[in-house]
Protein backbone atom coordinates (compact mmCIF):
# COMPACT_ATOMS: atom_id res chain seq x y z
CA MET A 1 44.58 54.03 32.75
CA SER A 2 41.43 51.92 33.27
CA PRO A 3 41.04 49.69 36.34
CA GLU A 4 41.03 46.62 34.10
CA THR A 5 44.38 47.57 32.57
CA LEU A 6 45.83 48.18 36.04
CA GLN A 7 44.71 44.70 37.12
CA ILE A 8 46.31 43.08 34.09
CA GLY A 9 49.58 44.88 34.86
CA ALA A 10 49.37 43.75 38.49
CA THR A 11 48.87 40.14 37.37
CA ILE A 12 51.89 40.37 35.08
CA LEU A 13 53.98 41.57 38.04
CA PHE A 14 52.61 38.69 40.12
CA ALA A 15 53.60 36.22 37.40
CA ILE A 16 57.09 37.73 37.27
CA ALA A 17 57.38 37.32 41.05
CA VAL A 18 56.40 33.64 40.78
CA ILE A 19 58.97 33.11 38.02
CA HIS A 20 61.54 34.95 40.14
CA THR A 21 61.10 32.45 43.00
CA PHE A 22 62.15 29.67 40.60
CA SER A 23 65.07 31.75 39.27
CA VAL A 24 67.02 32.67 42.42
CA LYS A 25 69.94 30.47 41.30
CA PHE A 26 70.38 32.81 38.32
CA PHE A 27 70.81 35.80 40.64
CA GLU A 28 73.19 33.78 42.83
CA LYS A 29 75.42 33.25 39.81
CA LEU A 30 75.30 36.97 38.99
CA ALA A 31 76.32 37.72 42.58
CA GLU A 32 79.43 35.54 42.16
CA ARG A 33 80.76 37.70 39.34
CA PRO A 34 82.78 40.88 40.01
CA SER A 35 80.32 43.75 39.69
CA PRO A 36 79.47 47.03 41.44
CA HIS A 37 75.94 45.62 41.84
CA VAL A 38 76.85 42.43 43.73
CA GLY A 39 74.76 43.55 46.72
CA ILE A 40 71.62 43.86 44.59
CA TRP A 41 72.14 40.42 43.06
CA HIS A 42 72.60 38.92 46.52
CA LEU A 43 69.37 40.61 47.62
CA LEU A 44 67.41 39.29 44.65
CA ALA A 45 68.80 35.80 45.27
CA GLU A 46 66.97 35.62 48.62
CA VAL A 47 63.63 33.84 48.14
CA GLU A 48 62.19 35.60 51.21
CA VAL A 49 62.82 38.97 49.55
CA VAL A 50 61.16 38.16 46.22
CA PHE A 51 57.50 38.94 46.91
CA GLY A 52 58.26 41.93 49.10
CA PHE A 53 60.44 43.36 46.32
CA TRP A 54 57.80 42.91 43.60
CA ALA A 55 55.09 44.18 45.93
CA MET A 56 57.03 47.47 46.16
CA ILE A 57 57.24 47.53 42.37
CA LEU A 58 53.47 47.01 42.24
CA ILE A 59 52.81 49.94 44.59
CA VAL A 60 55.04 52.19 42.46
CA TYR A 61 53.22 50.97 39.34
CA LEU A 62 49.80 51.70 40.87
CA ALA A 63 50.99 55.14 41.99
CA LEU A 64 52.32 56.05 38.54
CA PHE A 65 49.33 54.88 36.54
CA GLY A 66 46.47 55.01 39.05
CA GLY A 67 47.48 57.90 41.29
CA VAL A 68 49.35 58.09 44.59
CA ALA A 69 46.14 58.36 46.62
CA SER A 70 44.69 55.24 44.97
CA SER A 71 47.92 53.34 45.54
CA LEU A 72 47.98 54.26 49.24
CA ASP A 73 44.30 53.40 49.63
CA TYR A 74 44.97 49.96 48.21
CA LEU A 75 47.97 49.39 50.45
CA GLU A 76 46.06 50.47 53.54
CA SER A 77 43.14 48.20 52.62
CA ARG A 78 45.34 45.10 52.89
CA ASN A 79 45.23 43.01 56.07
CA PHE A 80 48.76 42.28 57.33
CA THR A 81 47.67 40.46 60.49
CA GLU A 82 48.79 37.04 59.20
CA PRO A 83 52.37 38.10 58.30
CA MET A 84 52.68 39.84 61.66
CA PHE A 85 51.33 36.78 63.48
CA ILE A 86 53.69 34.39 61.72
CA PHE A 87 56.67 36.63 62.56
CA VAL A 88 55.67 36.68 66.23
CA ILE A 89 54.83 32.98 66.52
CA MET A 90 58.10 32.01 64.81
CA VAL A 91 60.19 33.97 67.30
CA VAL A 92 58.29 32.77 70.38
CA ALA A 93 58.09 29.10 69.28
CA ALA A 94 61.83 29.08 68.56
CA SER A 95 62.79 30.46 71.99
CA LYS A 96 64.98 28.17 74.07
CA PRO A 97 62.37 27.19 76.73
CA ILE A 98 59.75 26.23 74.11
CA PHE A 99 62.27 24.48 71.89
CA ASN A 100 63.76 22.50 74.80
CA LEU A 101 60.27 21.37 75.84
CA ALA A 102 59.42 20.26 72.28
CA GLN A 103 62.72 18.42 72.00
CA ALA A 104 62.13 16.61 75.30
CA MET A 105 58.63 15.56 74.16
CA VAL A 106 59.98 14.24 70.86
CA GLU A 107 62.74 12.28 72.61
CA ASN A 108 60.31 10.74 75.10
CA VAL A 109 57.95 9.56 72.38
CA ALA A 110 60.85 8.34 70.22
CA ARG A 111 62.12 6.11 73.05
CA ILE A 112 58.88 4.15 72.95
CA LEU A 113 59.36 3.08 69.33
CA PRO A 114 61.35 -0.12 68.67
CA LEU A 115 63.71 1.63 66.27
CA PRO A 116 67.23 3.06 66.39
CA SER A 117 67.21 6.39 68.24
CA SER A 118 67.91 8.55 65.19
CA VAL A 119 65.29 6.75 63.07
CA SER A 120 62.55 6.98 65.69
CA THR A 121 63.34 10.64 66.43
CA TYR A 122 63.13 11.51 62.74
CA LEU A 123 59.82 9.69 62.41
CA VAL A 124 58.32 11.49 65.42
CA ILE A 125 59.40 14.89 64.11
CA MET A 126 57.94 14.22 60.68
CA ALA A 127 54.67 12.72 61.95
CA LEU A 128 53.67 14.17 65.31
CA VAL A 129 55.05 17.72 65.16
CA PRO A 130 53.03 18.62 62.01
CA LEU A 131 49.87 17.29 63.71
CA LEU A 132 50.72 19.46 66.71
CA GLY A 133 50.03 22.35 64.33
CA SER A 134 46.31 21.73 64.84
CA LEU A 135 46.75 23.01 68.40
CA ILE A 136 49.59 25.56 68.35
CA THR A 137 48.96 26.65 64.71
CA GLU A 138 50.82 25.52 61.62
CA PRO A 139 53.47 28.30 61.67
CA ALA A 140 54.52 27.31 65.20
CA ALA A 141 54.63 23.61 64.26
CA MET A 142 56.69 24.40 61.16
CA THR A 143 59.15 26.44 63.22
CA LEU A 144 59.63 23.72 65.82
CA ALA A 145 59.91 20.90 63.26
CA ALA A 146 62.41 22.83 61.14
CA LEU A 147 64.56 23.69 64.16
CA LEU A 148 64.54 20.10 65.41
CA LEU A 149 65.45 18.79 61.97
CA ARG A 150 68.17 21.39 61.52
CA ASP A 151 69.86 20.74 64.86
CA GLN A 152 69.48 16.95 64.95
CA PHE A 153 69.71 15.90 61.30
CA TYR A 154 70.68 18.58 58.79
CA SER A 155 73.68 19.53 60.95
CA ALA A 156 74.86 15.90 60.67
CA GLY A 157 75.39 16.27 56.93
CA LEU A 158 72.49 14.56 55.16
CA SER A 159 72.69 13.49 51.54
CA ASN A 160 71.15 15.86 49.02
CA ARG A 161 68.33 13.38 48.33
CA LEU A 162 67.39 13.12 51.99
CA GLN A 163 67.60 16.88 52.49
CA TYR A 164 65.05 17.52 49.75
CA ALA A 165 62.87 14.52 50.59
CA THR A 166 62.66 15.77 54.17
CA ILE A 167 61.66 19.33 53.33
CA GLY A 168 59.15 18.10 50.73
CA VAL A 169 57.39 15.81 53.22
CA LEU A 170 57.64 18.45 55.96
CA PHE A 171 55.90 21.10 53.85
CA VAL A 172 53.11 18.71 52.81
CA ASN A 173 52.59 17.31 56.32
CA VAL A 174 52.43 20.73 57.96
CA SER A 175 49.92 21.90 55.34
CA ILE A 176 47.54 19.00 56.07
CA GLY A 177 48.52 18.53 59.72
CA GLY A 178 46.70 21.66 60.85
CA ALA A 179 43.36 20.47 59.47
CA LEU A 180 42.14 18.69 62.61
CA THR A 181 40.77 21.95 64.06
CA PRO A 182 39.08 25.00 62.52
CA PHE A 183 41.53 27.58 63.89
CA ALA A 184 45.10 26.44 63.17
CA ALA A 185 45.52 26.29 59.37
CA PRO A 186 45.32 29.62 57.49
CA PRO A 187 43.25 28.27 54.53
CA ILE A 188 40.69 26.77 56.94
CA LEU A 189 40.57 29.87 59.13
CA MET A 190 39.50 31.86 56.08
CA VAL A 191 36.28 29.86 55.65
CA ALA A 192 35.45 28.16 58.96
CA GLY A 193 33.42 31.04 60.38
CA THR A 194 31.62 31.85 57.13
CA TRP A 195 30.69 28.23 56.39
CA GLY A 196 30.05 27.15 60.01
CA TRP A 197 32.80 24.55 60.18
CA ASP A 198 33.32 23.63 63.86
CA LEU A 199 35.63 21.11 65.56
CA PRO A 200 33.36 18.03 65.09
CA PHE A 201 32.98 18.89 61.40
CA MET A 202 36.76 19.20 60.93
CA LEU A 203 37.50 15.95 62.72
CA LEU A 204 34.84 14.06 60.75
CA HIS A 205 35.66 15.38 57.28
CA PHE A 206 39.35 16.36 57.45
CA GLY A 207 40.95 15.21 60.70
CA TRP A 208 41.24 11.46 60.21
CA ARG A 209 42.22 11.84 56.56
CA SER A 210 44.91 14.38 57.39
CA THR A 211 46.27 12.19 60.20
CA LEU A 212 46.38 9.13 57.93
CA ALA A 213 48.17 10.99 55.14
CA VAL A 214 50.68 12.55 57.57
CA PHE A 215 51.59 9.13 58.98
CA ILE A 216 51.86 7.48 55.56
CA ASN A 217 54.16 10.27 54.31
CA ALA A 218 56.30 10.25 57.46
CA ILE A 219 56.63 6.46 57.60
CA GLY A 220 57.36 6.31 53.87
CA VAL A 221 60.26 8.77 53.91
CA THR A 222 61.62 7.20 57.11
CA LEU A 223 61.63 3.69 55.61
CA LEU A 224 63.09 4.92 52.33
CA PHE A 225 66.09 6.52 54.06
CA ARG A 226 66.25 4.28 57.13
CA ALA A 227 69.82 3.13 56.48
CA GLU A 228 71.16 6.69 56.22
CA LEU A 229 69.17 7.86 59.23
CA ALA A 230 70.43 4.94 61.34
CA ARG A 231 74.04 6.07 60.80
CA ILE A 232 73.37 9.48 62.39
CA THR A 233 74.48 10.00 65.96
CA LEU A 234 72.17 12.43 67.74
CA ASP A 235 73.60 15.10 70.02
CA ASP A 236 73.43 14.37 73.74
CA ASP A 237 71.99 17.43 75.49
CA SER A 238 72.11 15.93 78.96
CA GLY A 239 74.87 18.32 79.94
CA ALA A 240 73.09 21.41 78.65
CA ALA A 241 71.93 24.04 81.10
CA LYS A 242 68.33 23.41 82.15
CA VAL A 243 65.70 26.11 81.82
CA PRO A 244 63.75 26.74 85.05
CA PHE A 245 60.32 25.14 84.94
CA ALA A 246 58.62 28.41 85.89
CA LEU A 247 60.22 30.23 82.93
CA THR A 248 59.08 27.48 80.57
CA ILE A 249 55.51 27.88 81.86
CA VAL A 250 55.71 31.65 81.30
CA HIS A 251 56.85 31.08 77.70
CA LEU A 252 54.03 28.58 77.14
CA LEU A 253 51.52 31.13 78.43
CA PHE A 254 52.88 33.69 75.98
CA LEU A 255 52.56 31.13 73.17
CA LEU A 256 49.01 30.28 74.22
CA GLY A 257 47.99 33.94 74.44
CA ILE A 258 49.42 34.69 71.00
CA VAL A 259 47.56 31.71 69.48
CA ILE A 260 44.27 32.68 71.15
CA PHE A 261 44.52 36.28 69.90
CA ALA A 262 45.94 35.37 66.47
CA HIS A 263 43.34 37.59 64.74
CA HIS A 264 43.96 40.61 66.97
CA ALA A 265 47.31 42.14 66.07
CA VAL A 266 47.10 44.84 68.74
CA VAL A 267 46.89 42.11 71.42
CA PHE A 268 49.48 39.61 70.17
CA MET A 269 51.96 42.37 69.35
CA ALA A 270 51.58 43.70 72.90
CA LEU A 271 52.19 40.18 74.24
CA PHE A 272 55.21 39.88 71.97
CA LEU A 273 56.76 43.10 73.28
CA PHE A 274 56.22 41.84 76.83
CA PHE A 275 57.81 38.54 75.78
CA LEU A 276 60.89 40.39 74.50
CA GLY A 277 61.15 42.04 77.89
CA ILE A 278 61.09 38.66 79.65
CA THR A 279 63.80 37.25 77.37
CA ALA A 280 65.98 40.30 78.08
CA ALA A 281 65.46 39.86 81.84
CA TYR A 282 66.66 36.21 81.77
CA PRO A 283 69.38 36.14 79.06
CA ARG A 284 71.24 33.15 80.56
CA HIS A 285 68.23 30.95 79.78
CA GLN A 286 67.85 32.15 76.19
CA ASP A 287 69.49 31.53 72.85
CA PRO A 288 69.57 34.35 70.27
CA LEU A 289 66.03 34.95 69.00
CA ILE A 290 65.41 34.31 65.29
CA LEU A 291 64.34 37.90 64.66
CA ARG A 292 66.08 38.20 61.28
CA GLU A 293 64.52 34.99 59.95
CA GLY A 294 61.11 36.01 61.27
CA LEU A 295 61.30 39.46 59.72
CA LEU A 296 62.31 38.02 56.34
CA VAL A 297 59.35 35.62 56.44
CA GLY A 298 57.03 38.47 57.44
CA PHE A 299 58.34 40.57 54.54
CA PHE A 300 57.78 37.67 52.15
CA LEU A 301 54.19 37.11 53.30
CA GLY A 302 53.44 40.83 53.38
CA GLY A 303 54.50 41.04 49.75
CA LEU A 304 52.28 38.07 48.93
CA VAL A 305 49.32 39.88 50.58
CA VAL A 306 49.94 42.98 48.44
CA LEU A 307 50.45 41.10 45.16
CA GLY A 308 47.73 38.53 45.81
CA GLY A 309 45.11 41.17 46.48
CA GLN A 310 45.15 42.14 42.80
CA GLN A 311 44.44 38.61 41.54
CA GLN A 312 40.77 38.33 42.54
CA TRP A 313 39.59 39.52 39.11
CA TRP A 314 40.68 36.27 37.42
CA LEU A 315 40.82 33.77 40.30
CA GLN A 316 37.24 34.15 41.54
CA PRO A 317 35.54 33.63 38.13
CA LEU A 318 37.85 30.67 37.56
CA LEU A 319 36.71 29.05 40.83
CA GLU A 320 33.04 29.77 40.14
CA GLY A 321 33.17 27.82 36.89
CA MET A 322 34.52 24.60 38.45
CA SER A 323 32.72 21.41 39.48
CA PRO A 324 33.62 19.92 42.89
CA THR A 325 36.06 17.42 41.36
CA VAL A 326 37.69 20.04 39.17
CA ALA A 327 37.77 22.41 42.16
CA TYR A 328 39.82 19.91 44.17
CA TYR A 329 42.47 19.38 41.52
CA GLY A 330 42.31 22.98 40.39
CA ALA A 331 42.85 24.22 43.94
CA THR A 332 45.76 21.79 44.39
CA ALA A 333 47.43 23.21 41.26
CA LEU A 334 46.56 26.88 41.85
CA THR A 335 47.85 26.69 45.42
CA ALA A 336 51.35 26.18 44.03
CA ILE A 337 51.33 29.70 42.58
CA THR A 338 48.95 31.43 45.00
CA ASP A 339 48.86 31.23 48.77
CA ASN A 340 46.22 28.63 49.72
CA ALA A 341 44.62 30.93 52.30
CA ALA A 342 44.02 33.56 49.60
CA LEU A 343 42.48 30.87 47.41
CA THR A 344 39.99 29.66 50.03
CA TYR A 345 39.17 33.23 51.00
CA LEU A 346 38.12 33.96 47.41
CA GLY A 347 35.99 30.81 47.50
CA SER A 348 34.24 32.04 50.67
CA LEU A 349 33.08 35.11 48.73
CA VAL A 350 31.14 32.99 46.24
CA GLU A 351 27.51 32.44 47.27
CA GLY A 352 25.49 29.26 46.78
CA LEU A 353 28.37 26.77 46.82
CA SER A 354 27.45 23.14 47.52
CA PRO A 355 28.93 21.33 50.54
CA GLU A 356 30.84 19.09 48.13
CA PHE A 357 32.41 22.11 46.41
CA LYS A 358 33.41 23.69 49.73
CA TYR A 359 35.07 20.49 50.89
CA SER A 360 36.86 20.01 47.57
CA LEU A 361 38.15 23.58 47.48
CA VAL A 362 39.65 23.49 50.98
CA ALA A 363 40.92 19.91 50.67
CA GLY A 364 42.64 20.82 47.42
CA ALA A 365 44.13 23.96 48.94
CA ILE A 366 45.74 22.09 51.84
CA THR A 367 46.77 19.17 49.61
CA GLY A 368 48.85 21.45 47.37
CA GLY A 369 50.28 23.44 50.28
CA GLY A 370 53.68 21.78 50.14
CA LEU A 371 54.49 22.16 46.46
CA THR A 372 56.19 25.58 46.63
CA VAL A 373 57.44 28.10 49.16
CA ILE A 374 54.48 30.38 48.45
CA ALA A 375 51.80 27.66 48.59
CA ASN A 376 51.27 27.77 52.37
CA ALA A 377 52.02 30.61 54.77
CA PRO A 378 54.25 28.55 57.15
CA ASN A 379 56.51 27.32 54.31
CA PRO A 380 58.75 30.41 54.26
CA ALA A 381 59.42 29.83 57.96
CA GLY A 382 60.72 26.32 57.31
CA TYR A 383 62.64 27.53 54.27
CA SER A 384 64.33 30.32 56.21
CA ILE A 385 65.40 28.02 59.06
CA LEU A 386 66.70 25.16 56.89
CA LYS A 387 68.20 26.92 53.87
CA LYS A 388 71.70 27.37 55.36
CA SER A 389 72.02 23.59 55.66
CA PHE A 390 71.70 23.16 51.89
CA GLU A 391 74.49 23.52 49.36
CA GLY A 392 75.07 27.19 48.61
CA GLU A 393 72.80 28.09 51.53
CA SER A 394 69.76 28.05 49.28
CA ILE A 395 66.99 25.58 48.45
CA SER A 396 65.96 24.97 44.87
CA PRO A 397 62.25 25.76 44.35
CA LEU A 398 62.19 23.07 41.67
CA GLY A 399 63.73 20.66 44.17
CA ILE A 400 60.91 21.40 46.62
CA LEU A 401 58.31 20.85 43.88
CA VAL A 402 59.78 17.49 42.87
CA SER A 403 60.33 16.25 46.45
CA ALA A 404 56.80 17.26 47.49
CA ALA A 405 55.19 15.53 44.49
CA ILE A 406 54.99 11.99 45.96
CA PRO A 407 53.62 13.01 49.41
CA THR A 408 51.15 15.26 47.58
CA ILE A 409 49.99 12.33 45.43
CA ILE A 410 49.60 10.20 48.56
CA THR A 411 47.50 12.98 50.13
CA ILE A 412 45.35 13.12 46.99
CA LEU A 413 44.71 9.38 47.25
CA VAL A 414 43.71 9.72 50.90
CA PHE A 415 41.35 12.63 50.31
CA ARG A 416 39.83 11.46 47.04
CA VAL A 417 39.91 7.64 47.12
CA ILE A 418 39.59 6.51 50.74
């Protein structure tokens, strides 16, 4: 079989995987029927499993029609550093000392605002925590925001409308909230070094726009659901066991080291193993680590790396033929079905791009990063943490798309009009 035919087959499998993510409810219904294959239907109903499952199908397909050696060469040529990093940063950021510190910071800022406690806390989580992603990376910010929302709001029994509105704004705000620096957002990381984008450049061209859009989105959803939010009584953690300050500092140092060495898997994995040792040594100051959720997210993203690597043959020519304006809107739309970091990476391979095209491509990629679970690498982390709070313990991909539409439009207006 020719290489071109193999690529077409790989793209068909990728398309099936995308359709599968929007069809998990179908497999949930199959799992409810008496059948000897209930376990398989349950497995295929997990969004986090979808891309890993179809990635395995792709490898088998390449082995059958391209040869086992070729299939293994392709698999070994993939870079799985990002899925590994997101797994590690999820687990560390969700540890009790880090989470307690983030919660205390949110509560202290919320007290300053002249609003009911629950309303101000919600606003701070939706506005400031996503922007924190520019320092601690977007996956860490997503993990902390999702945990805070789950424990303080989703556990209180939100209406279906507020549940989806919250996750839609969260996904969009995290996607654009990491754009203040050149090292925190995956789609910006892919191009910053190649195109020479430093901190002053990011602040001048992306930072203030991202901050403005994040605040508009957060304030908008807070005002829209203010009455419902005001009725929520937040948990009082004053009686909870305090984590020693020294242990919190140690956890922060682990988090800092993992962020600094985010591109060096051998280093951050070594730090992670040491971190696991520390948590085992002080179990009374720890909650159960979210290892299962982290592994599922890592599996999801690993599958996306494998499937996405076969899409360059049609994505790159498509990008090359776009004007800057078309590139912005095209990237916003394409991001919904392809990870935005993969999209900007393909753009970085094209030579002779104008500054306007580069800006449009990356701005479009982060703008569309909240539309689907696969649009931005941190989204599966938020999905995995929050899904059990939704009816049927699953989140409708169509519901995410619809709820993220308005904050995405607001972001478009900020980036293209202001």
